[in-house]
PDB file of N, CA and C in Angstrom:
ATOM      1  N   MET A   1      -9.103   0.898  11.053  1.00  0.00           N
ATOM      2  CA  MET A   1      -7.727   0.564  10.734  1.00  0.00           C
ATOM      3  C   MET A   1      -7.421   1.077   9.328  1.00  0.00           C
ATOM      4  N   ILE A   2      -6.224   1.619   9.182  1.00  0.00           N
ATOM      5  CA  ILE A   2      -5.714   1.976   7.864  1.00  0.00           C
ATOM      6  C   ILE A   2      -4.428   1.195   7.645  1.00  0.00           C
ATOM      7  N   PHE A   3      -4.325   0.563   6.503  1.00  0.00           N
ATOM      8  CA  PHE A   3      -3.085  -0.084   6.094  1.00  0.00           C
ATOM      9  C   PHE A   3      -2.414   0.815   5.072  1.00  0.00           C
ATOM     10  N   ARG A   4      -1.115   1.020   5.229  1.00  0.00           N
ATOM     11  CA  ARG A   4      -0.352   1.846   4.292  1.00  0.00           C
ATOM     12  C   ARG A   4       0.823   1.022   3.773  1.00  0.00           C
ATOM     13  N   ILE A   5       0.969   0.989   2.467  1.00  0.00           N
ATOM     14  CA  ILE A   5       2.096   0.329   1.814  1.00  0.00           C
ATOM     15  C   ILE A   5       2.999   1.431   1.267  1.00  0.00           C
ATOM     16  N   CYS A   6       4.274   1.406   1.646  1.00  0.00           N
ATOM     17  CA  CYS A   6       5.236   2.406   1.168  1.00  0.00           C
ATOM     18  C   CYS A   6       6.270   1.704   0.294  1.00  0.00           C
ATOM     19  N   THR A   7       6.510   2.284  -0.888  1.00  0.00           N
ATOM     20  CA  THR A   7       7.393   1.664  -1.861  1.00  0.00           C
ATOM     21  C   THR A   7       8.046   2.731  -2.725  1.00  0.00           C
ATOM     22  N   GLU A   8       8.974   2.313  -3.533  1.00  0.00           N
ATOM     23  CA  GLU A   8       9.606   3.224  -4.483  1.00  0.00           C
ATOM     24  C   GLU A   8       8.641   3.506  -5.632  1.00  0.00           C
ATOM     25  N   ALA A   9       8.680   4.726  -6.136  1.00  0.00           N
ATOM     26  CA  ALA A   9       7.780   5.133  -7.234  1.00  0.00           C
ATOM     27  C   ALA A   9       8.383   4.752  -8.577  1.00  0.00           C
ATOM     28  N   LYS A  10       8.318   3.479  -8.879  1.00  0.00           N
ATOM     29  CA  LYS A  10       8.687   3.006 -10.213  1.00  0.00           C
ATOM     30  C   LYS A  10       7.666   1.944 -10.602  1.00  0.00           C
ATOM     31  N   ASN A  11       7.526   1.719 -11.894  1.00  0.00           N
ATOM     32  CA  ASN A  11       6.506   0.793 -12.403  1.00  0.00           C
ATOM     33  C   ASN A  11       5.119   1.170 -11.868  1.00  0.00           C
ATOM     34  N   VAL A  12       4.848   2.478 -11.836  1.00  0.00           N
ATOM     35  CA  VAL A  12       3.637   2.999 -11.206  1.00  0.00           C
ATOM     36  C   VAL A  12       2.372   2.460 -11.878  1.00  0.00           C
ATOM     37  N   LYS A  13       2.338   2.407 -13.186  1.00  0.00           N
ATOM     38  CA  LYS A  13       1.138   1.892 -13.870  1.00  0.00           C
ATOM     39  C   LYS A  13       0.858   0.444 -13.474  1.00  0.00           C
ATOM     40  N   GLN A  14       1.907  -0.340 -13.365  1.00  0.00           N
ATOM     41  CA  GLN A  14       1.744  -1.737 -12.962  1.00  0.00           C
ATOM     42  C   GLN A  14       1.247  -1.831 -11.516  1.00  0.00           C
ATOM     43  N   ILE A  15       1.781  -0.971 -10.645  1.00  0.00           N
ATOM     44  CA  ILE A  15       1.357  -0.961  -9.243  1.00  0.00           C
ATOM     45  C   ILE A  15      -0.103  -0.549  -9.133  1.00  0.00           C
ATOM     46  N   LEU A  16      -0.512   0.449  -9.908  1.00  0.00           N
ATOM     47  CA  LEU A  16      -1.913   0.868  -9.897  1.00  0.00           C
ATOM     48  C   LEU A  16      -2.839  -0.259 -10.355  1.00  0.00           C
ATOM     49  N   ARG A  17      -2.417  -0.993 -11.374  1.00  0.00           N
ATOM     50  CA  ARG A  17      -3.208  -2.147 -11.841  1.00  0.00           C
ATOM     51  C   ARG A  17      -3.329  -3.193 -10.727  1.00  0.00           C
ATOM     52  N   LEU A  18      -2.217  -3.475 -10.065  1.00  0.00           N
ATOM     53  CA  LEU A  18      -2.246  -4.450  -8.971  1.00  0.00           C
ATOM     54  C   LEU A  18      -3.155  -3.983  -7.836  1.00  0.00           C
ATOM     55  N   ALA A  19      -3.007  -2.721  -7.434  1.00  0.00           N
ATOM     56  CA  ALA A  19      -3.835  -2.190  -6.345  1.00  0.00           C
ATOM     57  C   ALA A  19      -5.309  -2.269  -6.709  1.00  0.00           C
ATOM     58  N   GLY A  20      -5.636  -1.954  -7.952  1.00  0.00           N
ATOM     59  CA  GLY A  20      -7.019  -2.041  -8.400  1.00  0.00           C
ATOM     60  C   GLY A  20      -7.553  -3.456  -8.427  1.00  0.00           C
ATOM     61  N   THR A  21      -6.674  -4.405  -8.681  1.00  0.00           N
ATOM     62  CA  THR A  21      -7.073  -5.812  -8.675  1.00  0.00           C
ATOM     63  C   THR A  21      -7.419  -6.275  -7.258  1.00  0.00           C
ATOM     64  N   TYR A  22      -6.580  -5.906  -6.301  1.00  0.00           N
ATOM     65  CA  TYR A  22      -6.810  -6.328  -4.910  1.00  0.00           C
ATOM     66  C   TYR A  22      -7.898  -5.513  -4.223  1.00  0.00           C
ATOM     67  N   PHE A  23      -8.002  -4.226  -4.569  1.00  0.00           N
ATOM     68  CA  PHE A  23      -8.905  -3.327  -3.850  1.00  0.00           C
ATOM     69  C   PHE A  23      -9.775  -2.544  -4.817  1.00  0.00           C
ATOM     70  N   GLN A  24     -10.698  -3.264  -5.471  1.00  0.00           N
ATOM     71  CA  GLN A  24     -11.611  -2.649  -6.426  1.00  0.00           C
ATOM     72  C   GLN A  24     -12.491  -1.596  -5.755  1.00  0.00           C
ATOM     73  N   SER A  25     -12.783  -1.784  -4.479  1.00  0.00           N
ATOM     74  CA  SER A  25     -13.674  -0.844  -3.787  1.00  0.00           C
ATOM     75  C   SER A  25     -12.984   0.467  -3.451  1.00  0.00           C
ATOM     76  N   GLY A  26     -11.651   0.509  -3.510  1.00  0.00           N
ATOM     77  CA  GLY A  26     -10.985   1.787  -3.334  1.00  0.00           C
ATOM     78  C   GLY A  26      -9.706   1.747  -2.523  1.00  0.00           C
ATOM     79  N   TYR A  27      -8.867   2.703  -2.803  1.00  0.00           N
ATOM     80  CA  TYR A  27      -7.620   2.939  -2.096  1.00  0.00           C
ATOM     81  C   TYR A  27      -7.193   4.361  -2.421  1.00  0.00           C
ATOM     82  N   THR A  28      -6.207   4.864  -1.704  1.00  0.00           N
ATOM     83  CA  THR A  28      -5.658   6.193  -1.969  1.00  0.00           C
ATOM     84  C   THR A  28      -4.175   6.052  -2.222  1.00  0.00           C
ATOM     85  N   LEU A  29      -3.672   6.798  -3.199  1.00  0.00           N
ATOM     86  CA  LEU A  29      -2.255   6.751  -3.538  1.00  0.00           C
ATOM     87  C   LEU A  29      -1.651   8.149  -3.364  1.00  0.00           C
ATOM     88  N   PHE A  30      -0.544   8.213  -2.629  1.00  0.00           N
ATOM     89  CA  PHE A  30       0.199   9.457  -2.438  1.00  0.00           C
ATOM     90  C   PHE A  30       1.572   9.291  -3.064  1.00  0.00           C
ATOM     91  N   GLN A  31       2.048  10.323  -3.734  1.00  0.00           N
ATOM     92  CA  GLN A  31       3.414  10.318  -4.245  1.00  0.00           C
ATOM     93  C   GLN A  31       4.233  11.284  -3.407  1.00  0.00           C
ATOM     94  N   GLY A  32       5.488  10.951  -3.162  1.00  0.00           N
ATOM     95  CA  GLY A  32       6.335  11.806  -2.347  1.00  0.00           C
ATOM     96  C   GLY A  32       7.798  11.547  -2.599  1.00  0.00           C
ATOM     97  N   LEU A  33       8.584  11.957  -1.634  1.00  0.00           N
ATOM     98  CA  LEU A  33      10.028  11.764  -1.670  1.00  0.00           C
ATOM     99  C   LEU A  33      10.423  11.066  -0.384  1.00  0.00           C
ATOM    100  N   GLY A  34      11.206  10.020  -0.501  1.00  0.00           N
ATOM    101  CA  GLY A  34      11.642   9.269   0.669  1.00  0.00           C
ATOM    102  C   GLY A  34      13.122   8.975   0.578  1.00  0.00           C
ATOM    103  N   ALA A  35      13.591   8.203   1.518  1.00  0.00           N
ATOM    104  CA  ALA A  35      14.997   7.783   1.514  1.00  0.00           C
ATOM    105  C   ALA A  35      15.060   6.327   1.936  1.00  0.00           C
ATOM    106  N   TRP A  36      15.965   5.608   1.304  1.00  0.00           N
ATOM    107  CA  TRP A  36      16.198   4.208   1.647  1.00  0.00           C
ATOM    108  C   TRP A  36      17.675   3.945   1.465  1.00  0.00           C
ATOM    109  N   ASP A  37      18.270   3.355   2.465  1.00  0.00           N
ATOM    110  CA  ASP A  37      19.679   2.979   2.404  1.00  0.00           C
ATOM    111  C   ASP A  37      20.563   4.192   2.073  1.00  0.00           C
ATOM    112  N   GLY A  38      20.191   5.359   2.644  1.00  0.00           N
ATOM    113  CA  GLY A  38      20.983   6.566   2.471  1.00  0.00           C
ATOM    114  C   GLY A  38      20.791   7.306   1.167  1.00  0.00           C
ATOM    115  N   LYS A  39      19.839   6.858   0.340  1.00  0.00           N
ATOM    116  CA  LYS A  39      19.620   7.498  -0.967  1.00  0.00           C
ATOM    117  C   LYS A  39      18.186   8.003  -1.059  1.00  0.00           C
ATOM    118  N   GLU A  40      18.035   9.255  -1.527  1.00  0.00           N
ATOM    119  CA  GLU A  40      16.693   9.776  -1.769  1.00  0.00           C
ATOM    120  C   GLU A  40      16.104   9.128  -3.008  1.00  0.00           C
ATOM    121  N   GLU A  41      14.759   8.922  -2.958  1.00  0.00           N
ATOM    122  CA  GLU A  41      14.071   8.345  -4.100  1.00  0.00           C
ATOM    123  C   GLU A  41      12.619   8.807  -4.092  1.00  0.00           C
ATOM    124  N   LYS A  42      12.024   8.828  -5.258  1.00  0.00           N
ATOM    125  CA  LYS A  42      10.595   9.099  -5.338  1.00  0.00           C
ATOM    126  C   LYS A  42       9.874   7.925  -4.700  1.00  0.00           C
ATOM    127  N   SER A  43       8.790   8.218  -3.981  1.00  0.00           N
ATOM    128  CA  SER A  43       8.101   7.162  -3.259  1.00  0.00           C
ATOM    129  C   SER A  43       6.601   7.187  -3.531  1.00  0.00           C
ATOM    130  N   LEU A  44       5.976   6.057  -3.248  1.00  0.00           N
ATOM    131  CA  LEU A  44       4.524   5.898  -3.323  1.00  0.00           C
ATOM    132  C   LEU A  44       4.034   5.345  -2.004  1.00  0.00           C
ATOM    133  N   CYS A  45       2.896   5.847  -1.556  1.00  0.00           N
ATOM    134  CA  CYS A  45       2.206   5.266  -0.409  1.00  0.00           C
ATOM    135  C   CYS A  45       0.783   4.958  -0.851  1.00  0.00           C
ATOM    136  N   ILE A  46       0.366   3.753  -0.598  1.00  0.00           N
ATOM    137  CA  ILE A  46      -0.987   3.316  -0.913  1.00  0.00           C
ATOM    138  C   ILE A  46      -1.693   3.077   0.412  1.00  0.00           C
ATOM    139  N   GLU A  47      -2.837   3.742   0.610  1.00  0.00           N
ATOM    140  CA  GLU A  47      -3.601   3.562   1.837  1.00  0.00           C
ATOM    141  C   GLU A  47      -4.907   2.860   1.548  1.00  0.00           C
ATOM    142  N   ILE A  48      -5.222   1.907   2.417  1.00  0.00           N
ATOM    143  CA  ILE A  48      -6.468   1.163   2.330  1.00  0.00           C
ATOM    144  C   ILE A  48      -7.160   1.285   3.680  1.00  0.00           C
ATOM    145  N   ALA A  49      -8.353   1.841   3.696  1.00  0.00           N
ATOM    146  CA  ALA A  49      -9.124   1.995   4.932  1.00  0.00           C
ATOM    147  C   ALA A  49     -10.005   0.777   5.139  1.00  0.00           C
ATOM    148  N   VAL A  50      -9.982   0.249   6.350  1.00  0.00           N
ATOM    149  CA  VAL A  50     -10.847  -0.871   6.727  1.00  0.00           C
ATOM    150  C   VAL A  50     -12.074  -0.272   7.412  1.00  0.00           C
ATOM    151  N   MET A  51     -13.231  -0.529   6.858  1.00  0.00           N
ATOM    152  CA  MET A  51     -14.449   0.102   7.353  1.00  0.00           C
ATOM    153  C   MET A  51     -15.112  -0.668   8.487  1.00  0.00           C
ATOM    154  N   SER A  52     -14.767  -1.935   8.645  1.00  0.00           N
ATOM    155  CA  SER A  52     -15.382  -2.764   9.676  1.00  0.00           C
ATOM    156  C   SER A  52     -14.302  -3.622  10.334  1.00  0.00           C
ATOM    157  N   ALA A  53     -14.306  -3.669  11.657  1.00  0.00           N
ATOM    158  CA  ALA A  53     -13.312  -4.464  12.382  1.00  0.00           C
ATOM    159  C   ALA A  53     -13.325  -5.923  11.928  1.00  0.00           C
ATOM    160  N   SER A  54     -14.478  -6.408  11.535  1.00  0.00           N
ATOM    161  CA  SER A  54     -14.577  -7.807  11.101  1.00  0.00           C
ATOM    162  C   SER A  54     -13.854  -8.050   9.774  1.00  0.00           C
ATOM    163  N   ASP A  55     -13.543  -6.985   9.028  1.00  0.00           N
ATOM    164  CA  ASP A  55     -12.840  -7.115   7.746  1.00  0.00           C
ATOM    165  C   ASP A  55     -11.321  -7.016   7.876  1.00  0.00           C
ATOM    166  N   THR A  56     -10.819  -6.705   9.064  1.00  0.00           N
ATOM    167  CA  THR A  56      -9.399  -6.396   9.237  1.00  0.00           C
ATOM    168  C   THR A  56      -8.481  -7.530   8.782  1.00  0.00           C
ATOM    169  N   LEU A  57      -8.729  -8.748   9.207  1.00  0.00           N
ATOM    170  CA  LEU A  57      -7.839  -9.861   8.837  1.00  0.00           C
ATOM    171  C   LEU A  57      -7.862 -10.142   7.342  1.00  0.00           C
ATOM    172  N   ARG A  58      -9.034 -10.052   6.731  1.00  0.00           N
ATOM    173  CA  ARG A  58      -9.155 -10.286   5.291  1.00  0.00           C
ATOM    174  C   ARG A  58      -8.396  -9.208   4.515  1.00  0.00           C
ATOM    175  N   VAL A  59      -8.552  -7.966   4.916  1.00  0.00           N
ATOM    176  CA  VAL A  59      -7.860  -6.863   4.240  1.00  0.00           C
ATOM    177  C   VAL A  59      -6.358  -6.964   4.464  1.00  0.00           C
ATOM    178  N   LYS A  60      -5.942  -7.301   5.678  1.00  0.00           N
ATOM    179  CA  LYS A  60      -4.514  -7.438   5.982  1.00  0.00           C
ATOM    180  C   LYS A  60      -3.862  -8.487   5.087  1.00  0.00           C
ATOM    181  N   SER A  61      -4.531  -9.577   4.865  1.00  0.00           N
ATOM    182  CA  SER A  61      -4.007 -10.622   3.985  1.00  0.00           C
ATOM    183  C   SER A  61      -3.829 -10.092   2.565  1.00  0.00           C
ATOM    184  N   LYS A  62      -4.810  -9.357   2.064  1.00  0.00           N
ATOM    185  CA  LYS A  62      -4.716  -8.789   0.716  1.00  0.00           C
ATOM    186  C   LYS A  62      -3.606  -7.748   0.636  1.00  0.00           C
ATOM    187  N   VAL A  63      -3.436  -6.963   1.697  1.00  0.00           N
ATOM    188  CA  VAL A  63      -2.361  -5.958   1.740  1.00  0.00           C
ATOM    189  C   VAL A  63      -1.007  -6.650   1.649  1.00  0.00           C
ATOM    190  N   LYS A  64      -0.817  -7.727   2.394  1.00  0.00           N
ATOM    191  CA  LYS A  64       0.456  -8.467   2.347  1.00  0.00           C
ATOM    192  C   LYS A  64       0.717  -9.023   0.947  1.00  0.00           C
ATOM    193  N   HIS A  65      -0.313  -9.559   0.310  1.00  0.00           N
ATOM    194  CA  HIS A  65      -0.139 -10.084  -1.049  1.00  0.00           C
ATOM    195  C   HIS A  65       0.235  -8.966  -2.023  1.00  0.00           C
ATOM    196  N   LEU A  66      -0.447  -7.828  -1.907  1.00  0.00           N
ATOM    197  CA  LEU A  66      -0.144  -6.699  -2.775  1.00  0.00           C
ATOM    198  C   LEU A  66       1.294  -6.224  -2.546  1.00  0.00           C
ATOM    199  N   ALA A  67       1.711  -6.111  -1.304  1.00  0.00           N
ATOM    200  CA  ALA A  67       3.073  -5.663  -1.002  1.00  0.00           C
ATOM    201  C   ALA A  67       4.112  -6.627  -1.581  1.00  0.00           C
ATOM    202  N   ARG A  68       3.859  -7.922  -1.493  1.00  0.00           N
ATOM    203  CA  ARG A  68       4.789  -8.907  -2.080  1.00  0.00           C
ATOM    204  C   ARG A  68       4.850  -8.760  -3.601  1.00  0.00           C
ATOM    205  N   ASP A  69       3.703  -8.530  -4.217  1.00  0.00           N
ATOM    206  CA  ASP A  69       3.672  -8.321  -5.670  1.00  0.00           C
ATOM    207  C   ASP A  69       4.449  -7.060  -6.056  1.00  0.00           C
ATOM    208  N   ILE A  70       4.266  -5.989  -5.300  1.00  0.00           N
ATOM    209  CA  ILE A  70       4.993  -4.741  -5.570  1.00  0.00           C
ATOM    210  C   ILE A  70       6.490  -4.959  -5.393  1.00  0.00           C
ATOM    211  N   LYS A  71       6.872  -5.649  -4.350  1.00  0.00           N
ATOM    212  CA  LYS A  71       8.292  -5.946  -4.096  1.00  0.00           C
ATOM    213  C   LYS A  71       8.906  -6.692  -5.278  1.00  0.00           C
ATOM    214  N   ARG A  72       8.168  -7.656  -5.803  1.00  0.00           N
ATOM    215  CA  ARG A  72       8.650  -8.433  -6.946  1.00  0.00           C
ATOM    216  C   ARG A  72       8.746  -7.564  -8.200  1.00  0.00           C
ATOM    217  N   VAL A  73       7.688  -6.811  -8.494  1.00  0.00           N
ATOM    218  CA  VAL A  73       7.644  -5.970  -9.688  1.00  0.00           C
ATOM    219  C   VAL A  73       8.767  -4.925  -9.662  1.00  0.00           C
ATOM    220  N   ASN A  74       8.979  -4.315  -8.507  1.00  0.00           N
ATOM    221  CA  ASN A  74       9.995  -3.262  -8.384  1.00  0.00           C
ATOM    222  C   ASN A  74      11.386  -3.806  -8.047  1.00  0.00           C
ATOM    223  N   GLN A  75      11.495  -5.110  -7.865  1.00  0.00           N
ATOM    224  CA  GLN A  75      12.775  -5.747  -7.519  1.00  0.00           C
ATOM    225  C   GLN A  75      13.426  -5.035  -6.330  1.00  0.00           C
ATOM    226  N   GLN A  76      12.653  -4.903  -5.251  1.00  0.00           N
ATOM    227  CA  GLN A  76      13.107  -4.202  -4.060  1.00  0.00           C
ATOM    228  C   GLN A  76      13.522  -5.176  -2.971  1.00  0.00           C
ATOM    229  N   ASP A  77      14.381  -4.690  -2.075  1.00  0.00           N
ATOM    230  CA  ASP A  77      14.779  -5.479  -0.909  1.00  0.00           C
ATOM    231  C   ASP A  77      13.613  -5.606   0.069  1.00  0.00           C
ATOM    232  N   ALA A  78      12.827  -4.530   0.201  1.00  0.00           N
ATOM    233  CA  ALA A  78      11.729  -4.520   1.165  1.00  0.00           C
ATOM    234  C   ALA A  78      10.669  -3.516   0.736  1.00  0.00           C
ATOM    235  N   VAL A  79       9.446  -3.783   1.152  1.00  0.00           N
ATOM    236  CA  VAL A  79       8.317  -2.870   1.003  1.00  0.00           C
ATOM    237  C   VAL A  79       7.699  -2.751   2.394  1.00  0.00           C
ATOM    238  N   LEU A  80       7.444  -1.525   2.828  1.00  0.00           N
ATOM    239  CA  LEU A  80       6.940  -1.285   4.176  1.00  0.00           C
ATOM    240  C   LEU A  80       5.419  -1.359   4.215  1.00  0.00           C
ATOM    241  N   ILE A  81       4.891  -2.068   5.212  1.00  0.00           N
ATOM    242  CA  ILE A  81       3.458  -2.067   5.509  1.00  0.00           C
ATOM    243  C   ILE A  81       3.290  -1.453   6.896  1.00  0.00           C
ATOM    244  N   GLU A  82       2.442  -0.438   6.985  1.00  0.00           N
ATOM    245  CA  GLU A  82       2.126   0.166   8.266  1.00  0.00           C
ATOM    246  C   GLU A  82       0.672  -0.147   8.609  1.00  0.00           C
ATOM    247  N   GLU A  83       0.419  -0.434   9.878  1.00  0.00           N
ATOM    248  CA  GLU A  83      -0.941  -0.626  10.383  1.00  0.00           C
ATOM    249  C   GLU A  83      -1.239   0.549  11.303  1.00  0.00           C
ATOM    250  N   ILE A  84      -2.225   1.347  10.936  1.00  0.00           N
ATOM    251  CA  ILE A  84      -2.534   2.570  11.652  1.00  0.00           C
ATOM    252  C   ILE A  84      -3.946   2.451  12.256  1.00  0.00           C
ATOM    253  N   PRO A  85      -4.021   2.379  13.568  1.00  0.00           N
ATOM    254  CA  PRO A  85      -5.353   2.311  14.184  1.00  0.00           C
ATOM    255  C   PRO A  85      -6.142   3.572  13.849  1.00  0.00           C
ATOM    256  N   SER A  86      -7.391   3.392  13.463  1.00  0.00           N
ATOM    257  CA  SER A  86      -8.244   4.529  13.133  1.00  0.00           C
ATOM    258  C   SER A  86      -9.703   4.108  13.178  1.00  0.00           C
ATOM    259  N   ALA A  87     -10.559   5.100  13.306  1.00  0.00           N
ATOM    260  CA  ALA A  87     -11.993   4.883  13.175  1.00  0.00           C
ATOM    261  C   ALA A  87     -12.389   5.542  11.857  1.00  0.00           C
ATOM    262  N   ASN A  88     -12.954   4.774  10.957  1.00  0.00           N
ATOM    263  CA  ASN A  88     -13.269   5.269   9.616  1.00  0.00           C
ATOM    264  C   ASN A  88     -14.786   5.317   9.428  1.00  0.00           C
ATOM    265  N   LEU A  89     -15.240   6.369   8.778  1.00  0.00           N
ATOM    266  CA  LEU A  89     -16.659   6.573   8.575  1.00  0.00           C
ATOM    267  C   LEU A  89     -16.898   7.155   7.204  1.00  0.00           C
ATOM    268  N   LEU A  90     -17.777   6.556   6.442  1.00  0.00           N
ATOM    269  CA  LEU A  90     -18.195   7.116   5.144  1.00  0.00           C
ATOM    270  C   LEU A  90     -19.464   7.935   5.352  1.00  0.00           C
ATOM    271  N   ILE A  91     -19.480   9.113   4.790  1.00  0.00           N
ATOM    272  CA  ILE A  91     -20.665   9.976   4.930  1.00  0.00           C
ATOM    273  C   ILE A  91     -21.194  10.283   3.534  1.00  0.00           C
TER     274      ILE A  91
END
């Protein structure tokens, strides 16, 4: 499973600190361009890979907390969380 949080690219340093607090073991951050409510904006996507099915619920809870924190910090109406089924392997 991969969890992806999509948000506006503002307060990036604060978001990185938050992501590091929740996911010390790792995450990936992508910057891009998105649209919300008819307006283009710089965007951030944070991906967290779940390595074991038994960890999914624990990670999902942390993802929700992180998304709520980002929503508050960025004063946004909504922050998107995507759940992407995947098989993940570290080599």
